[in-house]
N, C-alpha and C. Protein backbone atom coordinates (compact mmCIF):
# COMPACT_ATOMS: atom_id res chain seq x y z
N UNK A 1 46.86 25.08 38.51
CA UNK A 1 46.33 23.71 38.25
C UNK A 1 46.58 23.41 36.83
N UNK A 2 47.30 22.35 36.45
CA UNK A 2 47.56 22.02 35.03
C UNK A 2 46.62 20.86 34.60
N UNK A 3 46.89 20.50 33.31
CA UNK A 3 45.98 19.55 32.70
C UNK A 3 45.85 18.27 33.56
N UNK A 4 46.94 17.72 34.06
CA UNK A 4 46.88 16.41 34.79
C UNK A 4 46.02 16.57 36.12
N UNK A 5 46.11 17.83 36.72
CA UNK A 5 45.28 18.02 37.93
C UNK A 5 43.74 17.97 37.62
N UNK A 6 43.44 18.74 36.50
CA UNK A 6 41.96 18.79 36.14
C UNK A 6 41.43 17.43 35.68
N UNK A 7 42.31 16.64 35.13
CA UNK A 7 41.89 15.40 34.48
C UNK A 7 42.32 14.15 35.28
N UNK A 8 42.81 14.29 36.48
CA UNK A 8 43.22 13.15 37.24
C UNK A 8 42.07 12.80 38.19
N UNK A 9 41.43 11.64 37.91
CA UNK A 9 40.39 11.21 38.76
C UNK A 9 40.64 10.92 40.19
N UNK A 10 41.91 10.81 40.53
CA UNK A 10 42.35 10.57 41.96
C UNK A 10 42.92 11.90 42.54
N UNK A 11 42.95 12.92 41.83
CA UNK A 11 43.56 14.17 42.28
C UNK A 11 42.68 15.00 43.11
N UNK A 12 42.99 16.34 43.20
CA UNK A 12 42.36 17.22 44.05
C UNK A 12 40.85 17.52 43.57
N UNK A 13 40.47 17.10 42.37
CA UNK A 13 39.10 17.29 41.93
C UNK A 13 38.40 16.04 41.72
N UNK A 14 38.74 15.05 42.58
CA UNK A 14 38.23 13.64 42.47
C UNK A 14 36.67 13.66 42.55
N UNK A 15 36.12 14.57 43.40
CA UNK A 15 34.59 14.58 43.50
C UNK A 15 34.02 14.96 42.25
N UNK A 16 34.63 15.92 41.44
CA UNK A 16 34.05 16.41 40.25
C UNK A 16 34.05 15.31 39.15
N UNK A 17 35.02 14.44 39.22
CA UNK A 17 35.16 13.25 38.30
C UNK A 17 34.10 12.20 38.78
N UNK A 18 33.75 12.09 40.02
CA UNK A 18 32.73 11.23 40.47
C UNK A 18 31.36 11.65 39.97
N UNK A 19 31.02 12.90 39.99
CA UNK A 19 29.78 13.37 39.60
C UNK A 19 29.61 13.55 38.11
N UNK A 20 30.69 13.67 37.38
CA UNK A 20 30.56 13.93 35.96
C UNK A 20 29.82 13.02 35.12
N UNK A 21 30.14 11.69 35.26
CA UNK A 21 29.32 10.80 34.41
C UNK A 21 27.82 10.75 34.78
N UNK A 22 27.58 11.04 36.13
CA UNK A 22 26.19 11.01 36.56
C UNK A 22 25.44 12.23 36.02
N UNK A 23 26.02 13.42 36.10
CA UNK A 23 25.37 14.58 35.60
C UNK A 23 25.25 14.60 34.07
N UNK A 24 26.34 14.13 33.38
CA UNK A 24 26.32 13.98 31.94
C UNK A 24 25.18 13.10 31.43
N UNK A 25 25.17 11.94 32.13
CA UNK A 25 24.07 10.99 31.69
C UNK A 25 22.71 11.60 31.88
N UNK A 26 22.47 12.28 33.00
CA UNK A 26 21.18 12.93 33.27
C UNK A 26 20.92 13.97 32.12
N UNK A 27 21.87 14.83 31.96
CA UNK A 27 21.64 15.92 30.95
C UNK A 27 21.46 15.35 29.44
N UNK A 28 22.20 14.37 29.18
CA UNK A 28 21.98 13.82 27.79
C UNK A 28 20.53 13.29 27.64
N UNK A 29 19.99 12.60 28.66
CA UNK A 29 18.58 12.18 28.53
C UNK A 29 17.67 13.36 28.47
N UNK A 30 17.92 14.44 29.10
CA UNK A 30 17.07 15.63 29.12
C UNK A 30 17.16 16.19 27.70
N UNK A 31 18.31 16.36 27.16
CA UNK A 31 18.38 17.03 25.86
C UNK A 31 17.81 16.11 24.76
N UNK A 32 17.96 14.81 24.88
CA UNK A 32 17.27 13.88 23.96
C UNK A 32 15.73 14.03 24.00
N UNK A 33 15.25 14.22 25.13
CA UNK A 33 13.84 14.35 25.42
C UNK A 33 13.30 15.75 24.92
N UNK A 34 14.05 16.78 25.17
CA UNK A 34 13.57 18.13 24.88
C UNK A 34 13.87 18.73 23.52
N UNK A 35 15.14 18.49 23.08
CA UNK A 35 15.50 19.00 21.70
C UNK A 35 16.01 18.02 20.77
N UNK A 36 15.78 16.75 21.02
CA UNK A 36 16.19 15.66 20.11
C UNK A 36 17.69 15.27 20.13
N UNK A 37 18.26 15.59 21.17
CA UNK A 37 19.73 15.11 21.44
C UNK A 37 20.73 16.34 21.25
N UNK A 38 21.95 15.87 21.30
CA UNK A 38 23.02 16.88 21.25
C UNK A 38 23.62 17.08 19.90
N UNK A 39 23.55 16.15 18.93
CA UNK A 39 24.27 16.25 17.69
C UNK A 39 23.77 17.46 16.86
N UNK A 40 24.77 18.27 16.35
CA UNK A 40 24.46 19.46 15.61
C UNK A 40 23.87 20.56 16.39
N UNK A 41 23.64 20.40 17.74
CA UNK A 41 23.19 21.46 18.61
C UNK A 41 24.27 22.43 19.02
N UNK A 42 23.92 23.71 19.10
CA UNK A 42 24.91 24.63 19.74
C UNK A 42 24.75 24.77 21.17
N UNK A 43 25.84 24.51 21.90
CA UNK A 43 25.80 24.35 23.36
C UNK A 43 26.92 25.25 23.94
N UNK A 44 26.62 25.96 24.93
CA UNK A 44 27.61 26.81 25.60
C UNK A 44 27.73 26.36 27.18
N UNK A 45 28.95 26.05 27.48
CA UNK A 45 29.20 25.55 28.86
C UNK A 45 29.83 26.71 29.63
N UNK A 46 29.05 27.39 30.47
CA UNK A 46 29.48 28.56 31.20
C UNK A 46 30.16 28.10 32.49
N UNK A 47 31.40 28.61 32.75
CA UNK A 47 32.05 28.14 33.89
C UNK A 47 32.64 26.72 33.64
N UNK A 48 33.13 26.44 32.45
CA UNK A 48 33.43 25.12 31.99
C UNK A 48 34.63 24.54 32.68
N UNK A 49 35.50 25.32 33.42
CA UNK A 49 36.70 24.80 34.06
C UNK A 49 37.62 24.10 32.97
N UNK A 50 38.06 22.89 33.36
CA UNK A 50 38.90 22.18 32.60
C UNK A 50 38.26 21.39 31.40
N UNK A 51 36.92 21.50 31.29
CA UNK A 51 36.32 20.90 30.11
C UNK A 51 35.70 19.58 30.35
N UNK A 52 35.55 19.13 31.58
CA UNK A 52 35.01 17.73 31.69
C UNK A 52 33.61 17.59 31.09
N UNK A 53 32.77 18.48 31.32
CA UNK A 53 31.41 18.41 30.83
C UNK A 53 31.35 18.75 29.28
N UNK A 54 32.08 19.79 28.94
CA UNK A 54 32.10 20.22 27.56
C UNK A 54 32.56 18.97 26.66
N UNK A 55 33.45 18.25 27.02
CA UNK A 55 33.90 17.18 26.18
C UNK A 55 32.81 15.98 26.05
N UNK A 56 32.04 15.81 27.12
CA UNK A 56 30.95 14.90 27.02
C UNK A 56 30.00 15.28 25.90
N UNK A 57 29.68 16.55 25.79
CA UNK A 57 28.73 17.04 24.72
C UNK A 57 29.44 16.91 23.31
N UNK A 58 30.71 17.31 23.29
CA UNK A 58 31.38 17.28 22.00
C UNK A 58 31.56 15.93 21.41
N UNK A 59 31.85 14.96 22.24
CA UNK A 59 31.96 13.57 21.80
C UNK A 59 30.73 13.11 21.04
N UNK A 60 29.58 13.62 21.41
CA UNK A 60 28.36 13.22 20.91
C UNK A 60 27.86 14.08 19.66
N UNK A 61 28.75 14.92 19.16
CA UNK A 61 28.44 15.66 17.97
C UNK A 61 27.87 17.08 18.21
N UNK A 62 27.94 17.55 19.49
CA UNK A 62 27.54 18.88 19.75
C UNK A 62 28.50 19.97 19.30
N UNK A 63 28.01 21.15 18.84
CA UNK A 63 28.94 22.26 18.61
C UNK A 63 29.08 23.02 19.92
N UNK A 64 30.14 22.83 20.66
CA UNK A 64 30.29 23.24 22.03
C UNK A 64 31.30 24.44 22.11
N UNK A 65 30.82 25.41 22.87
CA UNK A 65 31.63 26.55 23.29
C UNK A 65 31.79 26.51 24.83
N UNK A 66 33.04 26.64 25.36
CA UNK A 66 33.24 26.71 26.77
C UNK A 66 33.78 27.97 27.17
N UNK A 67 33.19 28.72 28.20
CA UNK A 67 33.85 29.97 28.67
C UNK A 67 34.07 29.87 30.17
N UNK A 68 35.07 30.55 30.65
CA UNK A 68 35.42 30.54 32.03
C UNK A 68 36.28 31.78 32.26
N UNK A 69 36.28 32.21 33.47
CA UNK A 69 37.19 33.44 33.76
C UNK A 69 38.62 33.08 34.18
N UNK A 70 38.89 31.75 34.24
CA UNK A 70 40.26 31.34 34.65
C UNK A 70 41.01 31.03 33.32
N UNK A 71 42.00 31.90 33.03
CA UNK A 71 42.88 31.44 31.86
C UNK A 71 43.60 30.19 31.97
N UNK A 72 43.98 29.78 33.22
CA UNK A 72 44.53 28.48 33.40
C UNK A 72 43.66 27.37 33.08
N UNK A 73 42.38 27.43 33.58
CA UNK A 73 41.32 26.40 33.30
C UNK A 73 41.08 26.25 31.83
N UNK A 74 41.00 27.45 31.05
CA UNK A 74 40.78 27.37 29.64
C UNK A 74 41.96 26.88 28.95
N UNK A 75 43.16 27.14 29.27
CA UNK A 75 44.29 26.51 28.70
C UNK A 75 44.28 25.05 28.90
N UNK A 76 43.99 24.57 30.13
CA UNK A 76 43.90 23.10 30.43
C UNK A 76 42.82 22.43 29.46
N UNK A 77 41.65 23.15 29.38
CA UNK A 77 40.55 22.59 28.64
C UNK A 77 40.93 22.46 27.16
N UNK A 78 41.56 23.50 26.65
CA UNK A 78 41.96 23.56 25.25
C UNK A 78 43.01 22.51 24.96
N UNK A 79 43.94 22.31 25.79
CA UNK A 79 45.00 21.34 25.44
C UNK A 79 44.54 19.86 25.59
N UNK A 80 43.53 19.71 26.51
CA UNK A 80 43.07 18.31 26.64
C UNK A 80 42.13 17.97 25.44
N UNK A 81 41.36 18.95 25.01
CA UNK A 81 40.43 18.70 23.94
C UNK A 81 41.23 18.39 22.67
N UNK A 82 42.35 19.18 22.43
CA UNK A 82 43.21 18.88 21.35
C UNK A 82 43.84 17.50 21.35
N UNK A 83 44.24 17.10 22.49
CA UNK A 83 44.78 15.79 22.73
C UNK A 83 43.81 14.65 22.55
N UNK A 84 42.52 14.98 22.71
CA UNK A 84 41.53 13.96 22.58
C UNK A 84 40.86 14.10 21.12
N UNK A 85 41.39 15.00 20.30
CA UNK A 85 40.81 15.08 18.96
C UNK A 85 39.41 15.70 18.86
N UNK A 86 39.08 16.59 19.85
CA UNK A 86 37.82 17.18 19.85
C UNK A 86 37.90 18.62 19.49
N UNK A 87 36.94 19.16 18.74
CA UNK A 87 36.88 20.60 18.41
C UNK A 87 35.92 21.33 19.33
N UNK A 88 36.41 22.05 20.27
CA UNK A 88 35.69 22.85 21.21
C UNK A 88 36.17 24.21 21.19
N UNK A 89 35.34 25.15 21.17
CA UNK A 89 35.76 26.56 21.20
C UNK A 89 35.87 27.09 22.63
N UNK A 90 36.99 27.33 23.13
CA UNK A 90 37.18 27.81 24.49
C UNK A 90 37.67 29.31 24.48
N UNK A 91 37.05 30.05 25.42
CA UNK A 91 37.30 31.40 25.61
C UNK A 91 37.40 31.83 27.09
N UNK A 92 38.24 32.84 27.46
CA UNK A 92 38.19 33.48 28.77
C UNK A 92 37.21 34.53 28.66
N UNK A 93 36.01 34.26 29.06
CA UNK A 93 34.91 35.34 28.98
C UNK A 93 33.91 35.06 30.17
N UNK A 94 33.25 36.12 30.55
CA UNK A 94 32.08 36.02 31.43
C UNK A 94 30.87 35.89 30.40
N UNK A 95 29.72 35.36 30.85
CA UNK A 95 28.61 35.30 29.95
C UNK A 95 28.23 36.73 29.39
N UNK A 96 28.34 37.75 30.25
CA UNK A 96 28.01 39.09 29.71
C UNK A 96 28.94 39.60 28.68
N UNK A 97 30.21 39.25 28.85
CA UNK A 97 31.25 39.68 27.82
C UNK A 97 31.04 38.95 26.51
N UNK A 98 30.76 37.67 26.61
CA UNK A 98 30.56 36.85 25.49
C UNK A 98 29.32 37.23 24.71
N UNK A 99 28.25 37.61 25.39
CA UNK A 99 26.95 38.01 24.66
C UNK A 99 27.13 39.26 23.83
N UNK A 100 28.10 40.11 24.28
CA UNK A 100 28.24 41.37 23.53
C UNK A 100 28.79 41.13 22.03
N UNK A 101 29.65 40.08 21.92
CA UNK A 101 30.27 39.82 20.66
C UNK A 101 29.61 38.67 19.96
N UNK A 102 28.72 37.91 20.60
CA UNK A 102 28.14 36.66 19.96
C UNK A 102 26.56 36.76 20.22
N UNK A 103 25.90 37.52 19.38
CA UNK A 103 24.45 37.67 19.70
C UNK A 103 23.61 36.46 19.40
N UNK A 104 24.09 35.54 18.53
CA UNK A 104 23.36 34.40 18.15
C UNK A 104 23.09 33.46 19.29
N UNK A 105 21.89 33.21 19.66
CA UNK A 105 21.57 32.36 20.90
C UNK A 105 21.93 30.89 20.70
N UNK A 106 22.00 30.16 21.72
CA UNK A 106 22.36 28.67 21.69
C UNK A 106 21.17 27.90 22.01
N UNK A 107 21.27 26.65 21.58
CA UNK A 107 20.15 25.66 21.89
C UNK A 107 20.20 25.25 23.34
N UNK A 108 21.30 25.32 23.90
CA UNK A 108 21.42 24.86 25.33
C UNK A 108 22.58 25.64 26.05
N UNK A 109 22.18 26.13 27.19
CA UNK A 109 23.13 26.81 28.09
C UNK A 109 23.34 25.88 29.30
N UNK A 110 24.59 25.72 29.64
CA UNK A 110 24.99 24.83 30.78
C UNK A 110 25.63 25.65 31.87
N UNK A 111 25.20 25.58 33.01
CA UNK A 111 25.72 26.30 34.19
C UNK A 111 25.91 25.35 35.39
N UNK A 112 27.06 24.55 35.32
CA UNK A 112 27.21 23.53 36.37
C UNK A 112 28.42 23.75 37.22
N UNK A 113 28.20 23.63 38.57
CA UNK A 113 29.31 23.92 39.56
C UNK A 113 29.93 25.19 39.35
N UNK A 114 29.11 26.17 38.94
CA UNK A 114 29.66 27.57 38.73
C UNK A 114 28.85 28.60 39.56
N UNK A 115 27.52 28.41 39.62
CA UNK A 115 26.63 29.34 40.24
C UNK A 115 26.88 29.65 41.64
N UNK A 116 27.39 28.70 42.36
CA UNK A 116 27.74 28.80 43.80
C UNK A 116 29.15 29.53 44.02
N UNK A 117 29.76 30.02 42.90
CA UNK A 117 31.06 30.64 43.00
C UNK A 117 30.99 32.11 42.60
N UNK A 118 29.80 32.59 42.01
CA UNK A 118 29.83 33.86 41.43
C UNK A 118 29.43 34.99 42.23
N UNK A 119 29.94 36.17 42.07
CA UNK A 119 29.31 37.37 42.70
C UNK A 119 28.25 37.93 41.77
N UNK A 120 27.29 38.54 42.38
CA UNK A 120 26.18 39.04 41.49
C UNK A 120 25.35 37.96 40.71
N UNK A 121 24.82 37.02 41.48
CA UNK A 121 24.16 35.87 40.88
C UNK A 121 23.04 36.31 39.99
N UNK A 122 22.29 37.35 40.31
CA UNK A 122 21.11 37.80 39.60
C UNK A 122 21.51 38.25 38.16
N UNK A 123 22.61 39.14 38.07
CA UNK A 123 23.09 39.56 36.79
C UNK A 123 23.73 38.41 35.97
N UNK A 124 24.47 37.46 36.68
CA UNK A 124 25.03 36.35 35.98
C UNK A 124 24.02 35.55 35.26
N UNK A 125 22.95 35.20 35.93
CA UNK A 125 21.86 34.42 35.39
C UNK A 125 21.13 35.15 34.22
N UNK A 126 20.95 36.42 34.46
CA UNK A 126 20.37 37.26 33.37
C UNK A 126 21.20 37.22 32.11
N UNK A 127 22.58 37.25 32.26
CA UNK A 127 23.39 37.18 31.11
C UNK A 127 23.43 35.86 30.48
N UNK A 128 23.44 34.85 31.31
CA UNK A 128 23.39 33.40 30.78
C UNK A 128 22.07 33.12 30.11
N UNK A 129 20.99 33.64 30.57
CA UNK A 129 19.77 33.38 29.87
C UNK A 129 19.59 34.11 28.57
N UNK A 130 20.31 35.23 28.41
CA UNK A 130 20.30 35.87 27.15
C UNK A 130 20.96 35.18 26.00
N UNK A 131 21.84 34.27 26.46
CA UNK A 131 22.56 33.41 25.39
C UNK A 131 21.64 32.15 24.97
N UNK A 132 20.42 32.05 25.56
CA UNK A 132 19.57 30.79 25.26
C UNK A 132 18.47 31.28 24.33
N UNK A 133 18.27 30.44 23.24
CA UNK A 133 17.23 30.72 22.28
C UNK A 133 15.81 30.28 22.88
N UNK A 134 14.73 30.87 22.34
CA UNK A 134 13.44 30.39 22.73
C UNK A 134 13.25 28.88 22.53
N UNK A 135 12.68 28.22 23.48
CA UNK A 135 12.47 26.88 23.53
C UNK A 135 13.86 26.07 23.74
N UNK A 136 14.92 26.74 24.06
CA UNK A 136 16.15 26.18 24.41
C UNK A 136 16.15 25.71 25.87
N UNK A 137 17.25 24.91 26.12
CA UNK A 137 17.28 24.12 27.47
C UNK A 137 18.40 24.78 28.33
N UNK A 138 18.02 25.12 29.49
CA UNK A 138 19.03 25.62 30.51
C UNK A 138 19.23 24.45 31.51
N UNK A 139 20.51 23.96 31.48
CA UNK A 139 20.98 22.90 32.42
C UNK A 139 21.81 23.48 33.52
N UNK A 140 21.53 23.08 34.76
CA UNK A 140 22.20 23.55 35.93
C UNK A 140 22.40 22.43 36.99
N UNK A 141 23.52 22.71 37.75
CA UNK A 141 23.76 21.91 38.95
C UNK A 141 24.54 22.79 39.85
N UNK A 142 24.20 22.77 41.18
CA UNK A 142 24.77 23.63 42.20
C UNK A 142 24.50 23.12 43.55
N UNK A 143 24.72 23.89 44.63
CA UNK A 143 24.64 23.33 46.01
C UNK A 143 23.59 24.17 46.77
N UNK A 144 22.73 23.46 47.42
CA UNK A 144 21.67 24.06 48.26
C UNK A 144 22.20 24.90 49.50
N UNK A 145 21.52 25.82 49.99
CA UNK A 145 21.98 26.62 51.05
C UNK A 145 21.25 26.03 52.30
N UNK A 146 21.78 24.90 52.77
CA UNK A 146 21.24 24.32 54.01
C UNK A 146 22.41 24.08 54.96
N UNK A 147 22.15 23.87 56.13
CA UNK A 147 23.18 23.55 57.13
C UNK A 147 23.79 22.17 56.82
N UNK A 148 23.08 21.26 56.31
CA UNK A 148 23.62 19.93 55.94
C UNK A 148 24.66 20.11 54.78
N UNK A 149 24.24 21.03 53.82
CA UNK A 149 25.20 21.29 52.70
C UNK A 149 26.47 21.93 53.18
N UNK A 150 26.35 22.93 54.12
CA UNK A 150 27.55 23.47 54.62
C UNK A 150 28.43 22.48 55.39
N UNK A 151 27.81 21.53 56.13
CA UNK A 151 28.53 20.60 56.82
C UNK A 151 29.27 19.64 55.87
N UNK A 152 28.49 19.07 54.91
CA UNK A 152 29.09 18.06 53.98
C UNK A 152 30.02 18.64 52.87
N UNK A 153 29.50 19.72 52.35
CA UNK A 153 30.27 20.24 51.15
C UNK A 153 31.52 21.00 51.51
N UNK A 154 31.53 21.59 52.70
CA UNK A 154 32.65 22.33 53.14
C UNK A 154 33.42 21.46 54.27
N UNK A 155 32.91 21.25 55.39
CA UNK A 155 33.59 20.72 56.47
C UNK A 155 34.12 19.29 56.13
N UNK A 156 33.20 18.46 55.62
CA UNK A 156 33.51 17.07 55.41
C UNK A 156 34.31 16.84 54.08
N UNK A 157 33.74 17.51 52.94
CA UNK A 157 34.42 17.32 51.67
C UNK A 157 35.72 17.99 51.60
N UNK A 158 35.88 19.22 52.14
CA UNK A 158 37.08 19.97 52.04
C UNK A 158 38.06 19.78 53.16
N UNK A 159 37.58 19.77 54.41
CA UNK A 159 38.50 19.70 55.48
C UNK A 159 38.95 18.28 56.02
N UNK A 160 37.88 17.34 55.78
CA UNK A 160 38.08 15.99 56.28
C UNK A 160 38.51 15.09 55.22
N UNK A 161 37.68 14.91 54.20
CA UNK A 161 37.95 13.90 53.10
C UNK A 161 38.88 14.43 51.95
N UNK A 162 39.04 15.79 51.96
CA UNK A 162 39.86 16.44 50.94
C UNK A 162 39.45 15.95 49.51
N UNK A 163 38.15 15.93 49.33
CA UNK A 163 37.57 15.55 48.01
C UNK A 163 37.64 16.80 47.00
N UNK A 164 37.76 18.01 47.58
CA UNK A 164 37.98 19.13 46.78
C UNK A 164 39.01 19.97 47.58
N UNK A 165 39.62 21.01 46.95
CA UNK A 165 40.64 21.73 47.64
C UNK A 165 39.95 22.60 48.73
N UNK A 166 40.66 22.86 49.74
CA UNK A 166 40.09 23.67 50.86
C UNK A 166 39.91 25.11 50.36
N UNK A 167 38.84 25.74 50.77
CA UNK A 167 38.52 27.07 50.37
C UNK A 167 37.76 27.10 49.05
N UNK A 168 37.39 26.00 48.53
CA UNK A 168 36.66 25.95 47.26
C UNK A 168 35.33 26.67 47.36
N UNK A 169 34.69 26.37 48.39
CA UNK A 169 33.28 26.84 48.55
C UNK A 169 33.09 27.95 49.66
N UNK A 170 32.03 28.67 49.51
CA UNK A 170 31.72 29.72 50.52
C UNK A 170 30.23 29.51 50.71
N UNK A 171 29.81 29.21 51.94
CA UNK A 171 28.48 28.85 52.31
C UNK A 171 27.53 30.06 51.85
N UNK A 172 28.01 31.27 51.99
CA UNK A 172 27.17 32.47 51.75
C UNK A 172 26.74 32.48 50.28
N UNK A 173 27.39 31.75 49.44
CA UNK A 173 27.01 31.81 48.03
C UNK A 173 26.24 30.57 47.61
N UNK A 174 25.94 29.65 48.49
CA UNK A 174 25.18 28.54 48.12
C UNK A 174 23.69 28.99 47.86
N UNK A 175 22.91 28.27 47.07
CA UNK A 175 21.61 28.81 46.46
C UNK A 175 20.46 27.84 46.72
N UNK A 176 19.43 28.29 47.38
CA UNK A 176 18.33 27.49 47.63
C UNK A 176 17.62 27.26 46.23
N UNK A 177 17.01 26.10 45.97
CA UNK A 177 16.37 25.84 44.76
C UNK A 177 15.33 26.88 44.42
N UNK A 178 14.55 27.27 45.45
CA UNK A 178 13.44 28.19 45.27
C UNK A 178 13.95 29.54 44.74
N UNK A 179 15.15 29.98 45.18
CA UNK A 179 15.72 31.19 44.76
C UNK A 179 16.17 31.07 43.30
N UNK A 180 16.77 29.83 42.97
CA UNK A 180 17.20 29.74 41.52
C UNK A 180 16.01 29.67 40.58
N UNK A 181 14.89 28.99 40.95
CA UNK A 181 13.79 28.84 40.18
C UNK A 181 13.22 30.16 39.83
N UNK A 182 13.16 31.06 40.93
CA UNK A 182 12.62 32.43 40.66
C UNK A 182 13.44 33.31 39.78
N UNK A 183 14.84 33.17 40.00
CA UNK A 183 15.72 34.00 39.16
C UNK A 183 15.65 33.52 37.61
N UNK A 184 15.53 32.21 37.41
CA UNK A 184 15.34 31.78 36.10
C UNK A 184 13.98 32.19 35.44
N UNK A 185 12.95 32.10 36.24
CA UNK A 185 11.55 32.46 35.81
C UNK A 185 11.55 34.00 35.41
N UNK A 186 12.30 34.71 36.11
CA UNK A 186 12.39 36.19 35.88
C UNK A 186 13.04 36.50 34.48
N UNK A 187 13.79 35.41 33.96
CA UNK A 187 14.41 35.56 32.78
C UNK A 187 13.81 34.69 31.75
N UNK A 188 12.53 34.30 31.90
CA UNK A 188 11.71 33.59 30.95
C UNK A 188 12.12 32.10 30.83
N UNK A 189 12.75 31.49 31.83
CA UNK A 189 13.17 30.14 31.87
C UNK A 189 12.32 29.42 32.91
N UNK A 190 11.42 28.50 32.53
CA UNK A 190 10.62 27.74 33.45
C UNK A 190 11.33 26.44 33.85
N UNK A 191 11.66 26.27 35.06
CA UNK A 191 12.27 25.05 35.53
C UNK A 191 11.17 23.85 35.49
N UNK A 192 11.64 22.84 34.72
CA UNK A 192 10.86 21.65 34.61
C UNK A 192 11.11 20.54 35.57
N UNK A 193 12.30 20.47 36.12
CA UNK A 193 12.58 19.31 37.01
C UNK A 193 13.84 19.72 37.78
N UNK A 194 13.88 19.32 39.08
CA UNK A 194 15.09 19.35 39.88
C UNK A 194 15.29 18.01 40.61
N UNK A 195 16.44 17.51 40.61
CA UNK A 195 16.76 16.29 41.24
C UNK A 195 17.99 16.48 42.15
N UNK A 196 18.20 15.58 43.07
CA UNK A 196 19.31 15.70 43.95
C UNK A 196 20.46 14.83 43.36
N UNK A 197 21.67 15.17 43.79
CA UNK A 197 22.89 14.30 43.62
C UNK A 197 23.39 13.93 45.01
N UNK A 198 23.03 12.76 45.51
CA UNK A 198 23.38 12.41 46.94
C UNK A 198 24.61 11.48 46.94
N UNK A 199 25.42 11.77 47.99
CA UNK A 199 26.67 10.91 48.12
C UNK A 199 26.30 9.85 49.15
N UNK A 200 26.62 8.55 48.71
CA UNK A 200 26.46 7.32 49.48
C UNK A 200 27.77 6.96 50.01
N UNK A 201 28.09 7.18 51.34
CA UNK A 201 29.44 6.88 51.93
C UNK A 201 29.79 5.37 51.88
N UNK A 202 28.73 4.52 51.83
CA UNK A 202 29.00 3.14 51.82
C UNK A 202 29.47 2.65 50.47
N UNK A 203 28.95 3.21 49.38
CA UNK A 203 29.34 2.95 48.09
C UNK A 203 30.37 3.87 47.59
N UNK A 204 30.63 4.94 48.28
CA UNK A 204 31.60 5.98 48.07
C UNK A 204 31.37 6.54 46.61
N UNK A 205 30.11 6.88 46.40
CA UNK A 205 29.72 7.34 45.09
C UNK A 205 28.48 8.17 45.17
N UNK A 206 28.17 8.90 44.20
CA UNK A 206 27.04 9.73 44.02
C UNK A 206 25.95 8.99 43.20
N UNK A 207 24.61 9.41 43.50
CA UNK A 207 23.53 8.87 42.72
C UNK A 207 22.43 9.94 42.59
N UNK A 208 21.70 9.92 41.54
CA UNK A 208 20.49 10.84 41.33
C UNK A 208 19.47 10.39 42.35
N UNK A 209 18.92 11.34 43.00
CA UNK A 209 17.93 11.08 44.09
C UNK A 209 16.89 12.12 44.13
N UNK A 210 15.95 12.07 45.09
CA UNK A 210 14.98 13.14 45.33
C UNK A 210 15.37 14.00 46.52
N UNK A 211 16.54 13.80 47.06
CA UNK A 211 17.10 14.60 48.10
C UNK A 211 17.87 15.83 47.62
N UNK A 212 17.27 16.96 47.81
CA UNK A 212 17.84 18.18 47.31
C UNK A 212 18.61 18.95 48.40
N UNK A 213 18.85 18.39 49.49
CA UNK A 213 19.46 19.03 50.62
C UNK A 213 20.89 19.48 50.54
N UNK A 214 21.64 18.78 49.57
CA UNK A 214 22.99 19.19 49.39
C UNK A 214 23.26 19.64 47.82
N UNK A 215 23.62 18.72 47.07
CA UNK A 215 23.74 18.97 45.67
C UNK A 215 22.50 18.72 44.90
N UNK A 216 22.18 19.58 43.86
CA UNK A 216 20.99 19.34 43.03
C UNK A 216 21.24 19.80 41.68
N UNK A 217 20.53 19.23 40.78
CA UNK A 217 20.65 19.59 39.29
C UNK A 217 19.27 19.54 38.73
N UNK A 218 19.13 20.11 37.47
CA UNK A 218 17.90 20.08 36.82
C UNK A 218 17.96 20.87 35.54
N UNK A 219 16.73 21.20 34.97
CA UNK A 219 16.71 21.84 33.77
C UNK A 219 15.49 22.80 33.55
N UNK A 220 15.53 23.67 32.73
CA UNK A 220 14.40 24.60 32.48
C UNK A 220 14.29 24.87 30.98
N UNK A 221 13.19 25.36 30.52
CA UNK A 221 12.97 25.74 29.09
C UNK A 221 12.67 27.20 29.00
N UNK A 222 13.31 27.83 28.05
CA UNK A 222 12.99 29.27 27.75
C UNK A 222 11.69 29.43 26.99
N UNK A 223 10.81 30.14 27.55
CA UNK A 223 9.50 30.35 26.91
C UNK A 223 9.42 31.62 26.20
């Protein structure tokens, strides 16, 4: 997957482009409320992919680091940021690997559309939370483990509408909100809010809602 694939709103990642303004807008409001905004804040985007969300924070003055295990995604993200005149530090690292060399914690840790893809979720979240300073903000978005989510996120989105590439998701890795809340609490992060991201087929778009049955997002504070 090259730069034009990651950044083509009509391409194979069209659904990611549809939710990106929605989740970015939600997260920016949360950061304004909790830590006074993004400017001059240190933010790490874990599982950053091609950098869609990283760039939203960088444009508003955040000091952004993006890490991902895909060298191709990191190269795409780096090239696009350079073309946009944005300074973002990108690395091919897991959160555990990154933490070994970068002990200074961040004001905000972002885990969006990555938790449902990892092996060893418990250890992944532990490593991610280690990168967050006290009173820092943990932002997340992922997919609920429900039959409805399996039907819509895999069968409809991948096999019927081709909104994401086939094979992107594995139902066994989907995460119930209660499980995520408990894993974060175990790592001193108290979840403050969870909202849904619901798809409206009539408008052919996503919206923030109270329906957590498929996609959901939210934030927590490290105590």
